[in-house]
Amino acid sequence: MVALSSLIPTKGKAQIFADVAYHVGAEAVPVLTVDVSKTAVYFEHHTLLWKHPTVHISLRNQNGGGKRLLGGDQVYIAEASGQGMIAFSRDGPGRVVSLHMPLGREIEVREHQFLAATKAINYSSSYVKGASNLLHGSQGYFIDKFHSGRGDGVLWIYAYGHIFEKVLESGESIDIEPGAWLYKETTVRMETMADRHSVGGFRPQMNMIVNRFTGPGRVGVQSMYMHNPSEA
């Protein structure tokens, strides 16, 4: 029997991993609260909700960061450190996904779903030209890559709607609507598939676009897609 995807629990009270304590609320638009007293965290600057005055914010020197836009506005990667707590959220109903990242783990995340990460996790991004992904027209999109190369850490992602995880065996594939995939392990291969459907004659044709993921590895799927306009 083929295993179904599993719903990921998304609320956590007083969770601790890699020397960082955090809390995830269970509201319709949840809030992630992190104690940065022992471990600094970095984040997209517009996700900041509140912080203690003793928490210091600085800009992070991020390669390629100058190209990231959200609705035409610049996206900066900021870092929070100091004594106290800081909270993050996004503009839409969803779930906060807490991914514990033991040393050596790698995760790829679709653009503008990253919420925060501890300092031990390395962050890079790559631009996927959009001709092959019709969801984004010809503009393309970014994929963010996170690697726990300096020790254990925590990566937090914001999913819209509910979040499911599918574990793919070696050679096993699944087709996911392009706006629904949220994250994948780097061992999972992704390719864009397009099927043209027509009822014949001069009637309209329909292109069915999916992203095909082939294991081994884990794939995260969100049940709601929020389109955030971005440019290269």
C-alpha atoms as a PDB file:
ATOM      1  CA  MET A   1       0.000   0.000   0.000  1.00  0.00           C
ATOM      2  CA  VAL A   2       1.322   3.465  -0.926  1.00  0.00           C
ATOM      3  CA  ALA A   3       2.009   5.577   2.161  1.00  0.00           C
ATOM      4  CA  LEU A   4       0.020   8.812   2.391  1.00  0.00           C
ATOM      5  CA  SER A   5       1.600  12.140   3.289  1.00  0.00           C
ATOM      6  CA  SER A   6       1.469  12.967   7.004  1.00  0.00           C
ATOM      7  CA  LEU A   7       0.168  16.155   8.590  1.00  0.00           C
ATOM      8  CA  ILE A   8       3.018  17.849  10.479  1.00  0.00           C
ATOM      9  CA  PRO A   9       2.248  19.082  14.010  1.00  0.00           C
ATOM     10  CA  THR A  10       3.011  22.798  14.075  1.00  0.00           C
ATOM     11  CA  LYS A  11       2.486  24.056  17.605  1.00  0.00           C
ATOM     12  CA  GLY A  12       5.192  23.772  20.211  1.00  0.00           C
ATOM     13  CA  LYS A  13       5.462  25.155  23.711  1.00  0.00           C
ATOM     14  CA  ALA A  14       8.898  25.744  25.242  1.00  0.00           C
ATOM     15  CA  GLN A  15      10.746  23.677  22.644  1.00  0.00           C
ATOM     16  CA  ILE A  16      14.550  23.503  22.943  1.00  0.00           C
ATOM     17  CA  PHE A  17      17.025  22.302  20.306  1.00  0.00           C
ATOM     18  CA  ALA A  18      20.635  23.277  19.550  1.00  0.00           C
ATOM     19  CA  ASP A  19      20.728  25.531  22.622  1.00  0.00           C
ATOM     20  CA  VAL A  20      17.817  27.699  21.465  1.00  0.00           C
ATOM     21  CA  ALA A  21      14.404  27.912  23.135  1.00  0.00           C
ATOM     22  CA  TYR A  22      11.338  28.784  21.063  1.00  0.00           C
ATOM     23  CA  HIS A  23       7.541  28.760  21.111  1.00  0.00           C
ATOM     24  CA  VAL A  24       5.093  28.433  18.211  1.00  0.00           C
ATOM     25  CA  GLY A  25       1.538  29.658  18.694  1.00  0.00           C
ATOM     26  CA  ALA A  26      -1.504  27.788  17.383  1.00  0.00           C
ATOM     27  CA  GLU A  27      -3.400  30.813  16.067  1.00  0.00           C
ATOM     28  CA  ALA A  28      -4.788  31.093  12.510  1.00  0.00           C
ATOM     29  CA  VAL A  29      -1.835  33.391  11.782  1.00  0.00           C
ATOM     30  CA  PRO A  30       0.768  31.848  14.124  1.00  0.00           C
ATOM     31  CA  VAL A  31       3.681  33.629  15.776  1.00  0.00           C
ATOM     32  CA  LEU A  32       7.169  32.207  16.313  1.00  0.00           C
ATOM     33  CA  THR A  33       8.882  33.498  19.463  1.00  0.00           C
ATOM     34  CA  VAL A  34      12.604  32.784  19.926  1.00  0.00           C
ATOM     35  CA  ASP A  35      14.927  33.423  22.867  1.00  0.00           C
ATOM     36  CA  VAL A  36      18.171  34.729  21.323  1.00  0.00           C
ATOM     37  CA  SER A  37      20.054  35.055  24.629  1.00  0.00           C
ATOM     38  CA  LYS A  38      22.326  32.096  23.798  1.00  0.00           C
ATOM     39  CA  THR A  39      22.040  31.767  20.025  1.00  0.00           C
ATOM     40  CA  ALA A  40      21.558  34.467  17.372  1.00  0.00           C
ATOM     41  CA  VAL A  41      18.948  33.996  14.639  1.00  0.00           C
ATOM     42  CA  TYR A  42      18.606  35.572  11.196  1.00  0.00           C
ATOM     43  CA  PHE A  43      15.446  36.327   9.211  1.00  0.00           C
ATOM     44  CA  GLU A  44      13.873  38.298   6.341  1.00  0.00           C
ATOM     45  CA  HIS A  45      13.496  41.773   7.860  1.00  0.00           C
ATOM     46  CA  HIS A  46       9.774  42.213   7.084  1.00  0.00           C
ATOM     47  CA  THR A  47       8.801  39.145   9.165  1.00  0.00           C
ATOM     48  CA  LEU A  48       9.715  40.871  12.460  1.00  0.00           C
ATOM     49  CA  LEU A  49       6.661  41.261  14.724  1.00  0.00           C
ATOM     50  CA  TRP A  50       8.099  42.444  18.051  1.00  0.00           C
ATOM     51  CA  LYS A  51      11.272  42.200  20.158  1.00  0.00           C
ATOM     52  CA  HIS A  52      12.651  43.126  23.557  1.00  0.00           C
ATOM     53  CA  PRO A  53      14.628  46.406  23.492  1.00  0.00           C
ATOM     54  CA  THR A  54      17.737  44.502  24.629  1.00  0.00           C
ATOM     55  CA  VAL A  55      17.728  42.444  21.399  1.00  0.00           C
ATOM     56  CA  HIS A  56      20.087  43.991  18.848  1.00  0.00           C
ATOM     57  CA  ILE A  57      19.302  43.903  15.107  1.00  0.00           C
ATOM     58  CA  SER A  58      22.030  44.052  12.457  1.00  0.00           C
ATOM     59  CA  LEU A  59      22.049  43.464   8.698  1.00  0.00           C
ATOM     60  CA  ARG A  60      23.609  40.228   7.532  1.00  0.00           C
ATOM     61  CA  ASN A  61      26.070  40.283   4.631  1.00  0.00           C
ATOM     62  CA  GLN A  62      24.294  37.942   2.249  1.00  0.00           C
ATOM     63  CA  ASN A  63      25.647  37.046  -1.197  1.00  0.00           C
ATOM     64  CA  GLY A  64      23.023  37.808  -3.826  1.00  0.00           C
ATOM     65  CA  GLY A  65      20.785  39.517  -1.281  1.00  0.00           C
ATOM     66  CA  GLY A  66      20.592  42.662  -3.380  1.00  0.00           C
ATOM     67  CA  LYS A  67      18.538  40.802  -5.984  1.00  0.00           C
ATOM     68  CA  ARG A  68      15.731  39.750  -3.653  1.00  0.00           C
ATOM     69  CA  LEU A  69      12.512  41.729  -3.991  1.00  0.00           C
ATOM     70  CA  LEU A  70       9.030  41.261  -2.562  1.00  0.00           C
ATOM     71  CA  GLY A  71       6.302  43.212  -4.301  1.00  0.00           C
ATOM     72  CA  GLY A  72       8.985  45.545  -5.677  1.00  0.00           C
ATOM     73  CA  ASP A  73      10.561  46.234  -2.267  1.00  0.00           C
ATOM     74  CA  GLN A  74      14.058  45.165  -1.229  1.00  0.00           C
ATOM     75  CA  VAL A  75      14.325  42.106   1.025  1.00  0.00           C
ATOM     76  CA  TYR A  76      17.100  42.286   3.634  1.00  0.00           C
ATOM     77  CA  ILE A  77      18.425  39.462   5.789  1.00  0.00           C
ATOM     78  CA  ALA A  78      18.729  40.682   9.373  1.00  0.00           C
ATOM     79  CA  GLU A  79      20.259  39.043  12.448  1.00  0.00           C
ATOM     80  CA  ALA A  80      18.998  39.248  16.047  1.00  0.00           C
ATOM     81  CA  SER A  81      21.210  38.751  19.111  1.00  0.00           C
ATOM     82  CA  GLY A  82      21.379  39.848  22.734  1.00  0.00           C
ATOM     83  CA  GLN A  83      19.425  39.239  25.906  1.00  0.00           C
ATOM     84  CA  GLY A  84      15.740  38.701  25.298  1.00  0.00           C
ATOM     85  CA  MET A  85      13.174  37.406  22.852  1.00  0.00           C
ATOM     86  CA  ILE A  86      12.024  38.236  19.333  1.00  0.00           C
ATOM     87  CA  ALA A  87       8.858  37.222  17.459  1.00  0.00           C
ATOM     88  CA  PHE A  88       8.127  36.635  13.762  1.00  0.00           C
ATOM     89  CA  SER A  89       5.084  36.044  11.579  1.00  0.00           C
ATOM     90  CA  ARG A  90       3.823  36.477   7.994  1.00  0.00           C
ATOM     91  CA  ASP A  91       0.765  38.022   6.342  1.00  0.00           C
ATOM     92  CA  GLY A  92      -1.584  35.099   5.853  1.00  0.00           C
ATOM     93  CA  PRO A  93      -3.199  32.150   7.666  1.00  0.00           C
ATOM     94  CA  GLY A  94      -0.883  29.194   7.945  1.00  0.00           C
ATOM     95  CA  ARG A  95       1.503  27.166  10.070  1.00  0.00           C
ATOM     96  CA  VAL A  96       5.063  27.569  11.338  1.00  0.00           C
ATOM     97  CA  VAL A  97       7.180  24.506  10.514  1.00  0.00           C
ATOM     98  CA  SER A  98      10.124  23.895  12.862  1.00  0.00           C
ATOM     99  CA  LEU A  99      12.824  21.790  11.192  1.00  0.00           C
ATOM    100  CA  HIS A 100      15.574  20.561  13.494  1.00  0.00           C
ATOM    101  CA  MET A 101      18.814  20.521  11.517  1.00  0.00           C
ATOM    102  CA  PRO A 102      21.494  18.168  12.883  1.00  0.00           C
ATOM    103  CA  LEU A 103      25.016  18.791  11.638  1.00  0.00           C
ATOM    104  CA  GLY A 104      25.231  18.106   7.892  1.00  0.00           C
ATOM    105  CA  ARG A 105      21.505  18.274   6.999  1.00  0.00           C
ATOM    106  CA  GLU A 106      20.506  20.257   3.882  1.00  0.00           C
ATOM    107  CA  ILE A 107      17.057  21.605   2.988  1.00  0.00           C
ATOM    108  CA  GLU A 108      15.844  23.568  -0.060  1.00  0.00           C
ATOM    109  CA  VAL A 109      12.907  25.951   0.426  1.00  0.00           C
ATOM    110  CA  ARG A 110      10.800  27.872  -2.088  1.00  0.00           C
ATOM    111  CA  GLU A 111      11.278  31.656  -1.994  1.00  0.00           C
ATOM    112  CA  HIS A 112       9.653  33.882   0.670  1.00  0.00           C
ATOM    113  CA  GLN A 113       8.620  30.978   2.913  1.00  0.00           C
ATOM    114  CA  PHE A 114      11.742  31.154   5.090  1.00  0.00           C
ATOM    115  CA  LEU A 115      10.916  32.647   8.489  1.00  0.00           C
ATOM    116  CA  ALA A 116      14.086  32.380  10.613  1.00  0.00           C
ATOM    117  CA  ALA A 117      17.132  30.192  11.294  1.00  0.00           C
ATOM    118  CA  THR A 118      19.798  29.891  13.954  1.00  0.00           C
ATOM    119  CA  LYS A 119      23.239  31.283  13.223  1.00  0.00           C
ATOM    120  CA  ALA A 120      24.881  27.855  12.788  1.00  0.00           C
ATOM    121  CA  ILE A 121      22.915  27.227   9.580  1.00  0.00           C
ATOM    122  CA  ASN A 122      24.462  28.417   6.307  1.00  0.00           C
ATOM    123  CA  TYR A 123      22.137  30.147   3.833  1.00  0.00           C
ATOM    124  CA  SER A 124      22.450  30.537   0.061  1.00  0.00           C
ATOM    125  CA  SER A 125      20.002  30.920  -2.807  1.00  0.00           C
ATOM    126  CA  SER A 126      19.825  30.125  -6.496  1.00  0.00           C
ATOM    127  CA  TYR A 127      17.678  31.625  -9.233  1.00  0.00           C
ATOM    128  CA  VAL A 128      15.564  29.330 -11.406  1.00  0.00           C
ATOM    129  CA  LYS A 129      14.756  30.888 -14.779  1.00  0.00           C
ATOM    130  CA  GLY A 130      11.041  30.829 -15.304  1.00  0.00           C
ATOM    131  CA  ALA A 131      10.422  29.623 -18.844  1.00  0.00           C
ATOM    132  CA  SER A 132      10.051  26.054 -17.606  1.00  0.00           C
ATOM    133  CA  ASN A 133       7.793  27.011 -14.683  1.00  0.00           C
ATOM    134  CA  LEU A 134       4.670  28.613 -16.127  1.00  0.00           C
ATOM    135  CA  LEU A 135       3.339  29.480 -12.676  1.00  0.00           C
ATOM    136  CA  HIS A 136       5.857  32.351 -12.607  1.00  0.00           C
ATOM    137  CA  GLY A 137       5.614  33.296 -16.282  1.00  0.00           C
ATOM    138  CA  SER A 138       9.028  34.189 -17.650  1.00  0.00           C
ATOM    139  CA  GLN A 139      10.317  35.804 -14.464  1.00  0.00           C
ATOM    140  CA  GLY A 140      11.483  32.714 -12.614  1.00  0.00           C
ATOM    141  CA  TYR A 141      11.921  32.356  -8.874  1.00  0.00           C
ATOM    142  CA  PHE A 142      14.474  31.738  -6.124  1.00  0.00           C
ATOM    143  CA  ILE A 143      15.125  28.554  -4.162  1.00  0.00           C
ATOM    144  CA  ASP A 144      16.720  29.037  -0.750  1.00  0.00           C
ATOM    145  CA  LYS A 145      19.224  26.430   0.469  1.00  0.00           C
ATOM    146  CA  PHE A 146      20.011  25.847   4.145  1.00  0.00           C
ATOM    147  CA  HIS A 147      22.898  23.687   5.367  1.00  0.00           C
ATOM    148  CA  SER A 148      23.781  22.989   8.991  1.00  0.00           C
ATOM    149  CA  GLY A 149      27.504  23.101   8.295  1.00  0.00           C
ATOM    150  CA  ARG A 150      28.636  24.636  11.590  1.00  0.00           C
ATOM    151  CA  GLY A 151      26.713  22.539  14.089  1.00  0.00           C
ATOM    152  CA  ASP A 152      23.138  21.668  15.006  1.00  0.00           C
ATOM    153  CA  GLY A 153      20.504  24.338  14.348  1.00  0.00           C
ATOM    154  CA  VAL A 154      16.821  25.084  13.785  1.00  0.00           C
ATOM    155  CA  LEU A 155      15.165  26.289  10.579  1.00  0.00           C
ATOM    156  CA  TRP A 156      11.682  27.783  10.717  1.00  0.00           C
ATOM    157  CA  ILE A 157       9.487  27.962   7.591  1.00  0.00           C
ATOM    158  CA  TYR A 158       6.063  29.541   7.141  1.00  0.00           C
ATOM    159  CA  ALA A 159       3.520  27.379   5.285  1.00  0.00           C
ATOM    160  CA  TYR A 160       0.186  28.730   4.083  1.00  0.00           C
ATOM    161  CA  GLY A 161      -2.813  26.593   5.000  1.00  0.00           C
ATOM    162  CA  HIS A 162      -1.836  23.178   6.378  1.00  0.00           C
ATOM    163  CA  ILE A 163       1.520  21.457   5.925  1.00  0.00           C
ATOM    164  CA  PHE A 164       2.060  17.831   4.969  1.00  0.00           C
ATOM    165  CA  GLU A 165       5.271  15.852   4.561  1.00  0.00           C
ATOM    166  CA  LYS A 166       5.817  12.995   2.120  1.00  0.00           C
ATOM    167  CA  VAL A 167       8.762  10.628   2.583  1.00  0.00           C
ATOM    168  CA  LEU A 168       9.893   9.328  -0.810  1.00  0.00           C
ATOM    169  CA  GLU A 169      11.762   6.068  -1.172  1.00  0.00           C
ATOM    170  CA  SER A 170      14.638   5.791  -3.647  1.00  0.00           C
ATOM    171  CA  GLY A 171      13.162   6.095  -7.162  1.00  0.00           C
ATOM    172  CA  GLU A 172       9.657   6.908  -5.880  1.00  0.00           C
ATOM    173  CA  SER A 173       8.053  10.006  -7.466  1.00  0.00           C
ATOM    174  CA  ILE A 174       5.206  12.367  -6.689  1.00  0.00           C
ATOM    175  CA  ASP A 175       3.717  15.188  -8.798  1.00  0.00           C
ATOM    176  CA  ILE A 176       2.943  18.422  -6.907  1.00  0.00           C
ATOM    177  CA  GLU A 177       1.249  21.584  -8.147  1.00  0.00           C
ATOM    178  CA  PRO A 178       4.013  24.226  -8.523  1.00  0.00           C
ATOM    179  CA  GLY A 179       2.583  26.522  -5.848  1.00  0.00           C
ATOM    180  CA  ALA A 180       2.116  23.732  -3.305  1.00  0.00           C
ATOM    181  CA  TRP A 181       5.621  22.396  -2.692  1.00  0.00           C
ATOM    182  CA  LEU A 182       7.256  24.047   0.310  1.00  0.00           C
ATOM    183  CA  TYR A 183      10.604  22.364   0.949  1.00  0.00           C
ATOM    184  CA  LYS A 184      12.613  19.312  -0.020  1.00  0.00           C
ATOM    185  CA  GLU A 185      15.769  17.552   1.010  1.00  0.00           C
ATOM    186  CA  THR A 186      18.591  18.015  -1.487  1.00  0.00           C
ATOM    187  CA  THR A 187      18.582  14.264  -2.216  1.00  0.00           C
ATOM    188  CA  VAL A 188      15.175  14.746  -3.882  1.00  0.00           C
ATOM    189  CA  ARG A 189      15.305  15.593  -7.604  1.00  0.00           C
ATOM    190  CA  MET A 190      12.785  18.123  -8.971  1.00  0.00           C
ATOM    191  CA  GLU A 191      11.745  18.614 -12.606  1.00  0.00           C
ATOM    192  CA  THR A 192       8.882  20.486 -14.283  1.00  0.00           C
ATOM    193  CA  MET A 193       6.352  18.437 -16.264  1.00  0.00           C
ATOM    194  CA  ALA A 194       3.819  19.924 -18.718  1.00  0.00           C
ATOM    195  CA  ASP A 195       0.856  18.060 -20.225  1.00  0.00           C
ATOM    196  CA  ARG A 196      -1.316  19.689 -22.911  1.00  0.00           C
ATOM    197  CA  HIS A 197      -4.981  18.707 -22.892  1.00  0.00           C
ATOM    198  CA  SER A 198      -7.558  19.457 -25.584  1.00  0.00           C
ATOM    199  CA  VAL A 199     -11.088  18.351 -26.421  1.00  0.00           C
ATOM    200  CA  GLY A 200     -10.231  18.725 -30.105  1.00  0.00           C
ATOM    201  CA  GLY A 201     -11.122  21.031 -32.948  1.00  0.00           C
ATOM    202  CA  PHE A 202     -10.824  24.740 -32.317  1.00  0.00           C
ATOM    203  CA  ARG A 203     -11.760  24.458 -28.646  1.00  0.00           C
ATOM    204  CA  PRO A 204      -9.424  25.810 -25.945  1.00  0.00           C
ATOM    205  CA  GLN A 205      -6.421  23.841 -24.821  1.00  0.00           C
ATOM    206  CA  MET A 206      -5.228  23.482 -21.241  1.00  0.00           C
ATOM    207  CA  ASN A 207      -1.664  23.087 -19.998  1.00  0.00           C
ATOM    208  CA  MET A 208      -1.353  21.058 -16.797  1.00  0.00           C
ATOM    209  CA  ILE A 209       1.910  21.983 -15.049  1.00  0.00           C
ATOM    210  CA  VAL A 210       3.326  19.986 -12.129  1.00  0.00           C
ATOM    211  CA  ASN A 211       6.680  19.639 -10.415  1.00  0.00           C
ATOM    212  CA  ARG A 212       7.805  16.010 -10.240  1.00  0.00           C
ATOM    213  CA  PHE A 213       9.835  15.062  -7.165  1.00  0.00           C
ATOM    214  CA  THR A 214      11.825  11.812  -7.121  1.00  0.00           C
ATOM    215  CA  GLY A 215      13.325  10.333  -3.957  1.00  0.00           C
ATOM    216  CA  PRO A 216      14.954   9.410  -1.766  1.00  0.00           C
ATOM    217  CA  GLY A 217      14.091  12.109   0.744  1.00  0.00           C
ATOM    218  CA  ARG A 218      11.378  14.285   2.268  1.00  0.00           C
ATOM    219  CA  VAL A 219       9.104  16.811   0.555  1.00  0.00           C
ATOM    220  CA  GLY A 220       6.915  19.365   2.350  1.00  0.00           C
ATOM    221  CA  VAL A 221       3.553  20.322   0.810  1.00  0.00           C
ATOM    222  CA  GLN A 222       1.381  23.309   1.761  1.00  0.00           C
ATOM    223  CA  SER A 223      -2.374  23.260   1.137  1.00  0.00           C
ATOM    224  CA  MET A 224      -2.685  26.962   0.257  1.00  0.00           C
ATOM    225  CA  TYR A 225      -0.636  29.041  -2.174  1.00  0.00           C
ATOM    226  CA  MET A 226       0.072  32.733  -1.559  1.00  0.00           C
ATOM    227  CA  HIS A 227       1.618  34.440  -4.598  1.00  0.00           C
ATOM    228  CA  ASN A 228       4.135  37.061  -3.482  1.00  0.00           C
ATOM    229  CA  PRO A 229       5.280  39.037  -6.546  1.00  0.00           C
ATOM    230  CA  SER A 230       9.066  39.067  -6.819  1.00  0.00           C
ATOM    231  CA  GLU A 231      11.638  40.064  -9.378  1.00  0.00           C
ATOM    232  CA  ALA A 232      15.206  39.038 -10.124  1.00  0.00           C
END
